[in-house]
Amino acid sequence: MDFLDKLGETITTKGKEVTDKAKDLAEVANLKSQISTCENVIKKNYIEIGRIYYEKHGSTPEDEYEEACRAIANAQNAVVDLEAKIKEIKGI
């Protein structure tokens, strides 16, 4: 009987360990999801700050922002050109 008692105790202990690990993994996954949400909020707001800055100062940016503002303006011009080509191809 002693063997069966020890076997039952081992199974119970191992079951609890597996359950505890599963709970830990679920909690870690939940926390990582929350981190991802926070990072998305940060990224979204960085983008919004940049958009506001560009709208206000894009034509006369401070030196440290000049290259980025020029890249935005060039990309915007390229979009206009590419959209015109699409219209031309479509015959619009």
C-alpha atoms as a PDB file:
ATOM      1  CA  MET A   1       0.000   0.000   0.000  1.00  0.00           C
ATOM      2  CA  ASP A   2       2.919   2.311   0.705  1.00  0.00           C
ATOM      3  CA  PHE A   3       3.901   2.146  -2.976  1.00  0.00           C
ATOM      4  CA  LEU A   4       0.409   3.170  -4.118  1.00  0.00           C
ATOM      5  CA  ASP A   5       0.333   6.028  -1.618  1.00  0.00           C
ATOM      6  CA  LYS A   6       3.668   7.334  -2.894  1.00  0.00           C
ATOM      7  CA  LEU A   7       2.510   6.924  -6.490  1.00  0.00           C
ATOM      8  CA  GLY A   8      -0.668   8.863  -5.765  1.00  0.00           C
ATOM      9  CA  GLU A   9       1.318  11.566  -3.998  1.00  0.00           C
ATOM     10  CA  THR A  10       3.746  11.826  -6.934  1.00  0.00           C
ATOM     11  CA  ILE A  11       0.909  12.097  -9.431  1.00  0.00           C
ATOM     12  CA  THR A  12      -0.777  14.783  -7.337  1.00  0.00           C
ATOM     13  CA  THR A  13       2.469  16.742  -6.971  1.00  0.00           C
ATOM     14  CA  LYS A  14       3.281  16.525 -10.678  1.00  0.00           C
ATOM     15  CA  GLY A  15      -0.283  17.501 -11.578  1.00  0.00           C
ATOM     16  CA  LYS A  16      -0.025  20.578  -9.365  1.00  0.00           C
ATOM     17  CA  GLU A  17       3.332  21.492 -10.924  1.00  0.00           C
ATOM     18  CA  VAL A  18       1.873  21.213 -14.430  1.00  0.00           C
ATOM     19  CA  THR A  19      -1.142  23.284 -13.412  1.00  0.00           C
ATOM     20  CA  ASP A  20       1.083  25.940 -11.832  1.00  0.00           C
ATOM     21  CA  LYS A  21       3.272  26.084 -14.950  1.00  0.00           C
ATOM     22  CA  ALA A  22       0.208  26.378 -17.183  1.00  0.00           C
ATOM     23  CA  LYS A  23      -1.084  29.257 -15.031  1.00  0.00           C
ATOM     24  CA  ASP A  24       2.329  30.938 -15.180  1.00  0.00           C
ATOM     25  CA  LEU A  25       2.456  30.570 -18.961  1.00  0.00           C
ATOM     26  CA  ALA A  26      -1.054  32.005 -19.298  1.00  0.00           C
ATOM     27  CA  GLU A  27      -0.143  34.941 -17.060  1.00  0.00           C
ATOM     28  CA  VAL A  28       3.061  35.610 -19.020  1.00  0.00           C
ATOM     29  CA  ALA A  29       1.099  35.512 -22.288  1.00  0.00           C
ATOM     30  CA  ASN A  30      -1.451  37.943 -20.846  1.00  0.00           C
ATOM     31  CA  LEU A  31       1.303  40.299 -19.656  1.00  0.00           C
ATOM     32  CA  LYS A  32       3.036  40.139 -23.051  1.00  0.00           C
ATOM     33  CA  SER A  33      -0.268  41.017 -24.685  1.00  0.00           C
ATOM     34  CA  GLN A  34      -0.609  44.020 -22.382  1.00  0.00           C
ATOM     35  CA  ILE A  35       2.969  45.073 -23.228  1.00  0.00           C
ATOM     36  CA  SER A  36       2.140  44.836 -26.926  1.00  0.00           C
ATOM     37  CA  THR A  37      -0.949  47.001 -26.410  1.00  0.00           C
ATOM     38  CA  CYS A  38       1.121  49.605 -24.550  1.00  0.00           C
ATOM     39  CA  GLU A  39       3.783  49.575 -27.276  1.00  0.00           C
ATOM     40  CA  ASN A  40       1.081  50.093 -29.913  1.00  0.00           C
ATOM     41  CA  VAL A  41      -0.268  53.081 -27.973  1.00  0.00           C
ATOM     42  CA  ILE A  42       3.254  54.517 -27.754  1.00  0.00           C
ATOM     43  CA  LYS A  43       3.877  53.975 -31.476  1.00  0.00           C
ATOM     44  CA  LYS A  44       0.519  55.496 -32.426  1.00  0.00           C
ATOM     45  CA  ASN A  45       1.201  58.590 -30.332  1.00  0.00           C
ATOM     46  CA  TYR A  46       4.758  58.979 -31.638  1.00  0.00           C
ATOM     47  CA  ILE A  47       3.304  58.933 -35.136  1.00  0.00           C
ATOM     48  CA  GLU A  48       0.658  61.478 -34.174  1.00  0.00           C
ATOM     49  CA  ILE A  49       3.285  63.779 -32.624  1.00  0.00           C
ATOM     50  CA  GLY A  50       5.317  63.510 -35.815  1.00  0.00           C
ATOM     51  CA  ARG A  51       2.283  64.270 -37.993  1.00  0.00           C
ATOM     52  CA  ILE A  52       1.435  67.341 -35.912  1.00  0.00           C
ATOM     53  CA  TYR A  53       5.044  68.553 -36.036  1.00  0.00           C
ATOM     54  CA  TYR A  54       5.197  68.056 -39.793  1.00  0.00           C
ATOM     55  CA  GLU A  55       1.933  69.916 -40.343  1.00  0.00           C
ATOM     56  CA  LYS A  56       3.160  72.857 -38.267  1.00  0.00           C
ATOM     57  CA  HIS A  57       6.853  72.949 -39.170  1.00  0.00           C
ATOM     58  CA  GLY A  58       7.352  70.720 -42.214  1.00  0.00           C
ATOM     59  CA  SER A  59       8.165  73.602 -44.536  1.00  0.00           C
ATOM     60  CA  THR A  60      10.638  75.146 -42.073  1.00  0.00           C
ATOM     61  CA  PRO A  61      11.791  72.345 -39.790  1.00  0.00           C
ATOM     62  CA  GLU A  62      14.521  72.590 -37.203  1.00  0.00           C
ATOM     63  CA  ASP A  63      17.852  71.242 -38.449  1.00  0.00           C
ATOM     64  CA  GLU A  64      17.516  67.877 -36.731  1.00  0.00           C
ATOM     65  CA  TYR A  65      14.153  67.250 -38.455  1.00  0.00           C
ATOM     66  CA  GLU A  66      15.040  68.624 -41.888  1.00  0.00           C
ATOM     67  CA  GLU A  67      16.045  65.309 -43.460  1.00  0.00           C
ATOM     68  CA  ALA A  68      12.929  63.489 -42.222  1.00  0.00           C
ATOM     69  CA  CYS A  69      10.644  66.316 -43.356  1.00  0.00           C
ATOM     70  CA  ARG A  70      12.303  66.344 -46.777  1.00  0.00           C
ATOM     71  CA  ALA A  71      11.832  62.563 -47.044  1.00  0.00           C
ATOM     72  CA  ILE A  72       8.129  62.958 -46.214  1.00  0.00           C
ATOM     73  CA  ALA A  73       7.691  65.714 -48.801  1.00  0.00           C
ATOM     74  CA  ASN A  74       9.499  63.624 -51.438  1.00  0.00           C
ATOM     75  CA  ALA A  75       7.335  60.599 -50.664  1.00  0.00           C
ATOM     76  CA  GLN A  76       4.158  62.709 -50.831  1.00  0.00           C
ATOM     77  CA  ASN A  77       5.240  64.056 -54.233  1.00  0.00           C
ATOM     78  CA  ALA A  78       5.969  60.520 -55.411  1.00  0.00           C
ATOM     79  CA  VAL A  79       2.483  59.413 -54.331  1.00  0.00           C
ATOM     80  CA  VAL A  80       0.923  62.244 -56.345  1.00  0.00           C
ATOM     81  CA  ASP A  81       2.997  61.284 -59.401  1.00  0.00           C
ATOM     82  CA  LEU A  82       2.183  57.589 -59.062  1.00  0.00           C
ATOM     83  CA  GLU A  83      -1.529  58.279 -58.631  1.00  0.00           C
ATOM     84  CA  ALA A  84      -1.421  60.427 -61.802  1.00  0.00           C
ATOM     85  CA  LYS A  85       0.204  57.538 -63.686  1.00  0.00           C
ATOM     86  CA  ILE A  86      -2.521  55.169 -62.446  1.00  0.00           C
ATOM     87  CA  LYS A  87      -5.210  57.584 -63.678  1.00  0.00           C
ATOM     88  CA  GLU A  88      -3.404  57.872 -67.005  1.00  0.00           C
ATOM     89  CA  ILE A  89      -3.271  54.104 -67.427  1.00  0.00           C
ATOM     90  CA  LYS A  90      -6.945  53.782 -66.501  1.00  0.00           C
ATOM     91  CA  GLY A  91      -7.828  56.605 -68.887  1.00  0.00           C
ATOM     92  CA  ILE A  92      -9.336  58.767 -66.199  1.00  0.00           C
END
